[in-house]
Amino acid sequence: MNAKLLKQISDNLTPLDTEELYANMLDSSYGEVEIAGYSFSTSRALKELDPTAFRCGMVDYIDSLSLVEIGGDYYEQDAVEQERDSLIDDLESELSDLEDERENPEIENIQAQIDALIAEIEEIKKYTF
């Protein structure tokens, strides 16, 4: 993945705690369970009594959501797409500024910078989430 896009995402988004998401879903769906007169949250009971079932259920639940995995972290797909679009807007603005400066004979290598920005914008546009 493009380094600028990764930085944009890591600077502006917080990875989701997938275990917490799953636990909240379990607890809101099933409430508390009672064992020998003691009450426990469903997520805690499942995690303690059958950690494998908890992890498998969590993976299935996470797969059902619109999340994007980047570097082992999960983010909401819409938020990642917004950051991608924001970066593209910033790069296109930078490109426009460079194109305006192209007429200035004192600035060297403007065309190389323009070409590099165009290539980077096109690369980032290829990412779909």
C-alpha atoms as a PDB file:
ATOM      1  CA  MET A   1       0.000   0.000   0.000  1.00  0.00           C
ATOM      2  CA  ASN A   2       1.121   3.532  -0.713  1.00  0.00           C
ATOM      3  CA  ALA A   3       3.188   4.997   2.158  1.00  0.00           C
ATOM      4  CA  LYS A   4       1.334   8.342   2.128  1.00  0.00           C
ATOM      5  CA  LEU A   5      -2.012   6.574   2.274  1.00  0.00           C
ATOM      6  CA  LEU A   6      -0.850   4.422   5.193  1.00  0.00           C
ATOM      7  CA  LYS A   7       0.344   7.541   7.017  1.00  0.00           C
ATOM      8  CA  GLN A   8      -2.944   9.341   6.290  1.00  0.00           C
ATOM      9  CA  ILE A   9      -4.892   6.425   7.749  1.00  0.00           C
ATOM     10  CA  SER A  10      -2.663   5.935  10.797  1.00  0.00           C
ATOM     11  CA  ASP A  11      -2.579   9.682  11.553  1.00  0.00           C
ATOM     12  CA  ASN A  12      -6.334  10.197  11.304  1.00  0.00           C
ATOM     13  CA  LEU A  13      -8.033   6.925  12.230  1.00  0.00           C
ATOM     14  CA  THR A  14      -7.958   4.780  15.337  1.00  0.00           C
ATOM     15  CA  PRO A  15      -7.921   1.024  14.807  1.00  0.00           C
ATOM     16  CA  LEU A  16     -11.032  -0.723  16.036  1.00  0.00           C
ATOM     17  CA  ASP A  17     -10.857  -3.100  18.975  1.00  0.00           C
ATOM     18  CA  THR A  18     -12.444  -6.097  17.274  1.00  0.00           C
ATOM     19  CA  GLU A  19     -12.660  -8.093  20.489  1.00  0.00           C
ATOM     20  CA  GLU A  20     -14.559  -5.263  22.149  1.00  0.00           C
ATOM     21  CA  LEU A  21     -16.880  -4.954  19.131  1.00  0.00           C
ATOM     22  CA  TYR A  22     -17.694  -8.653  19.314  1.00  0.00           C
ATOM     23  CA  ALA A  23     -18.101  -8.640  23.097  1.00  0.00           C
ATOM     24  CA  ASN A  24     -20.484  -5.661  22.895  1.00  0.00           C
ATOM     25  CA  MET A  25     -22.536  -7.414  20.223  1.00  0.00           C
ATOM     26  CA  LEU A  26     -22.755 -10.592  22.316  1.00  0.00           C
ATOM     27  CA  ASP A  27     -23.680  -8.709  25.471  1.00  0.00           C
ATOM     28  CA  SER A  28     -26.314  -6.561  23.769  1.00  0.00           C
ATOM     29  CA  SER A  29     -27.790  -9.581  21.966  1.00  0.00           C
ATOM     30  CA  TYR A  30     -27.768 -12.108  24.803  1.00  0.00           C
ATOM     31  CA  GLY A  31     -27.515 -10.095  28.005  1.00  0.00           C
ATOM     32  CA  GLU A  32     -26.209 -11.843  31.077  1.00  0.00           C
ATOM     33  CA  VAL A  33     -25.973 -15.546  31.819  1.00  0.00           C
ATOM     34  CA  GLU A  34     -26.416 -17.080  35.206  1.00  0.00           C
ATOM     35  CA  ILE A  35     -24.159 -19.842  36.468  1.00  0.00           C
ATOM     36  CA  ALA A  36     -24.723 -21.278  39.942  1.00  0.00           C
ATOM     37  CA  GLY A  37     -26.500 -18.118  41.010  1.00  0.00           C
ATOM     38  CA  TYR A  38     -23.817 -15.779  39.693  1.00  0.00           C
ATOM     39  CA  SER A  39     -24.371 -13.439  36.747  1.00  0.00           C
ATOM     40  CA  PHE A  40     -21.800 -12.950  34.016  1.00  0.00           C
ATOM     41  CA  SER A  41     -21.809 -11.110  30.734  1.00  0.00           C
ATOM     42  CA  THR A  42     -22.273 -13.470  27.823  1.00  0.00           C
ATOM     43  CA  SER A  43     -18.992 -12.370  26.278  1.00  0.00           C
ATOM     44  CA  ARG A  44     -17.013 -13.027  29.453  1.00  0.00           C
ATOM     45  CA  ALA A  45     -18.639 -16.420  29.999  1.00  0.00           C
ATOM     46  CA  LEU A  46     -17.981 -17.520  26.425  1.00  0.00           C
ATOM     47  CA  LYS A  47     -14.422 -16.206  26.419  1.00  0.00           C
ATOM     48  CA  GLU A  48     -13.594 -17.911  29.727  1.00  0.00           C
ATOM     49  CA  LEU A  49     -15.422 -21.191  29.112  1.00  0.00           C
ATOM     50  CA  ASP A  50     -14.613 -21.699  25.432  1.00  0.00           C
ATOM     51  CA  PRO A  51     -11.947 -19.315  24.129  1.00  0.00           C
ATOM     52  CA  THR A  52     -11.817 -21.137  20.791  1.00  0.00           C
ATOM     53  CA  ALA A  53     -15.553 -20.629  20.211  1.00  0.00           C
ATOM     54  CA  PHE A  54     -15.160 -16.985  21.252  1.00  0.00           C
ATOM     55  CA  ARG A  55     -12.332 -16.412  18.726  1.00  0.00           C
ATOM     56  CA  CYS A  56     -14.146 -18.262  15.922  1.00  0.00           C
ATOM     57  CA  GLY A  57     -17.328 -16.302  16.571  1.00  0.00           C
ATOM     58  CA  MET A  58     -15.359 -13.063  16.664  1.00  0.00           C
ATOM     59  CA  VAL A  59     -13.713 -13.811  13.305  1.00  0.00           C
ATOM     60  CA  ASP A  60     -17.089 -14.626  11.751  1.00  0.00           C
ATOM     61  CA  TYR A  61     -18.622 -11.469  13.208  1.00  0.00           C
ATOM     62  CA  ILE A  62     -15.756  -9.242  12.040  1.00  0.00           C
ATOM     63  CA  ASP A  63     -15.999 -10.775   8.556  1.00  0.00           C
ATOM     64  CA  SER A  64     -19.672  -9.783   8.451  1.00  0.00           C
ATOM     65  CA  LEU A  65     -18.870  -6.101   9.046  1.00  0.00           C
ATOM     66  CA  SER A  66     -17.647  -3.543   6.504  1.00  0.00           C
ATOM     67  CA  LEU A  67     -14.128  -3.378   7.887  1.00  0.00           C
ATOM     68  CA  VAL A  68     -10.757  -3.086   6.199  1.00  0.00           C
ATOM     69  CA  GLU A  69      -7.693  -4.815   7.590  1.00  0.00           C
ATOM     70  CA  ILE A  70      -4.505  -2.806   7.210  1.00  0.00           C
ATOM     71  CA  GLY A  71      -1.341  -4.071   8.799  1.00  0.00           C
ATOM     72  CA  GLY A  72      -3.246  -6.307  11.187  1.00  0.00           C
ATOM     73  CA  ASP A  73      -5.512  -3.476  12.361  1.00  0.00           C
ATOM     74  CA  TYR A  74      -9.169  -3.051  11.441  1.00  0.00           C
ATOM     75  CA  TYR A  75     -10.804   0.186  10.336  1.00  0.00           C
ATOM     76  CA  GLU A  76     -14.289   1.076   9.154  1.00  0.00           C
ATOM     77  CA  GLN A  77     -14.384   0.858   5.367  1.00  0.00           C
ATOM     78  CA  ASP A  78     -16.156   4.205   4.936  1.00  0.00           C
ATOM     79  CA  ALA A  79     -13.583   5.983   7.096  1.00  0.00           C
ATOM     80  CA  VAL A  80     -10.687   4.493   5.126  1.00  0.00           C
ATOM     81  CA  GLU A  81     -12.292   5.534   1.851  1.00  0.00           C
ATOM     82  CA  GLN A  82     -12.775   9.072   3.186  1.00  0.00           C
ATOM     83  CA  GLU A  83      -9.088   9.257   4.139  1.00  0.00           C
ATOM     84  CA  ARG A  84      -8.095   7.976   0.687  1.00  0.00           C
ATOM     85  CA  ASP A  85     -10.305  10.591  -0.972  1.00  0.00           C
ATOM     86  CA  SER A  86      -8.957  13.317   1.300  1.00  0.00           C
ATOM     87  CA  LEU A  87      -5.377  12.383   0.392  1.00  0.00           C
ATOM     88  CA  ILE A  88      -6.257  12.392  -3.305  1.00  0.00           C
ATOM     89  CA  ASP A  89      -7.789  15.866  -2.910  1.00  0.00           C
ATOM     90  CA  ASP A  90      -4.635  17.105  -1.151  1.00  0.00           C
ATOM     91  CA  LEU A  91      -2.379  15.643  -3.843  1.00  0.00           C
ATOM     92  CA  GLU A  92      -4.512  17.073  -6.637  1.00  0.00           C
ATOM     93  CA  SER A  93      -4.314  20.487  -4.970  1.00  0.00           C
ATOM     94  CA  GLU A  94      -0.543  20.143  -4.732  1.00  0.00           C
ATOM     95  CA  LEU A  95      -0.498  19.127  -8.400  1.00  0.00           C
ATOM     96  CA  SER A  96      -2.531  22.186  -9.355  1.00  0.00           C
ATOM     97  CA  ASP A  97      -0.101  24.426  -7.462  1.00  0.00           C
ATOM     98  CA  LEU A  98       2.844  22.835  -9.273  1.00  0.00           C
ATOM     99  CA  GLU A  99       1.166  23.254 -12.632  1.00  0.00           C
ATOM    100  CA  ASP A 100       0.673  26.934 -11.844  1.00  0.00           C
ATOM    101  CA  GLU A 101       4.367  27.232 -10.972  1.00  0.00           C
ATOM    102  CA  ARG A 102       5.436  25.494 -14.179  1.00  0.00           C
ATOM    103  CA  GLU A 103       5.465  28.872 -15.904  1.00  0.00           C
ATOM    104  CA  ASN A 104       8.088  30.182 -13.474  1.00  0.00           C
ATOM    105  CA  PRO A 105      11.525  29.704 -15.137  1.00  0.00           C
ATOM    106  CA  GLU A 106      13.317  29.860 -11.787  1.00  0.00           C
ATOM    107  CA  ILE A 107      11.842  26.573 -10.590  1.00  0.00           C
ATOM    108  CA  GLU A 108      13.577  23.498 -11.966  1.00  0.00           C
ATOM    109  CA  ASN A 109      12.228  19.997 -12.371  1.00  0.00           C
ATOM    110  CA  ILE A 110       8.588  21.046 -12.063  1.00  0.00           C
ATOM    111  CA  GLN A 111       7.559  18.584 -14.760  1.00  0.00           C
ATOM    112  CA  ALA A 112       9.270  15.713 -12.934  1.00  0.00           C
ATOM    113  CA  GLN A 113       7.422  16.657  -9.740  1.00  0.00           C
ATOM    114  CA  ILE A 114       4.145  16.924 -11.653  1.00  0.00           C
ATOM    115  CA  ASP A 115       4.663  13.526 -13.269  1.00  0.00           C
ATOM    116  CA  ALA A 116       5.494  11.958  -9.896  1.00  0.00           C
ATOM    117  CA  LEU A 117       2.358  13.425  -8.309  1.00  0.00           C
ATOM    118  CA  ILE A 118       0.160  12.258 -11.179  1.00  0.00           C
ATOM    119  CA  ALA A 119       1.593   8.742 -10.855  1.00  0.00           C
ATOM    120  CA  GLU A 120       1.027   8.761  -7.093  1.00  0.00           C
ATOM    121  CA  ILE A 121      -2.560   9.984  -7.441  1.00  0.00           C
ATOM    122  CA  GLU A 122      -3.294   7.247  -9.968  1.00  0.00           C
ATOM    123  CA  GLU A 123      -1.736   4.626  -7.690  1.00  0.00           C
ATOM    124  CA  ILE A 124      -3.850   5.731  -4.721  1.00  0.00           C
ATOM    125  CA  LYS A 125      -7.023   5.806  -6.805  1.00  0.00           C
ATOM    126  CA  LYS A 126      -6.527   2.088  -7.507  1.00  0.00           C
ATOM    127  CA  TYR A 127      -7.138   1.198  -3.865  1.00  0.00           C
ATOM    128  CA  THR A 128     -10.698   0.120  -3.297  1.00  0.00           C
ATOM    129  CA  PHE A 129     -11.903  -1.036   0.079  1.00  0.00           C
END
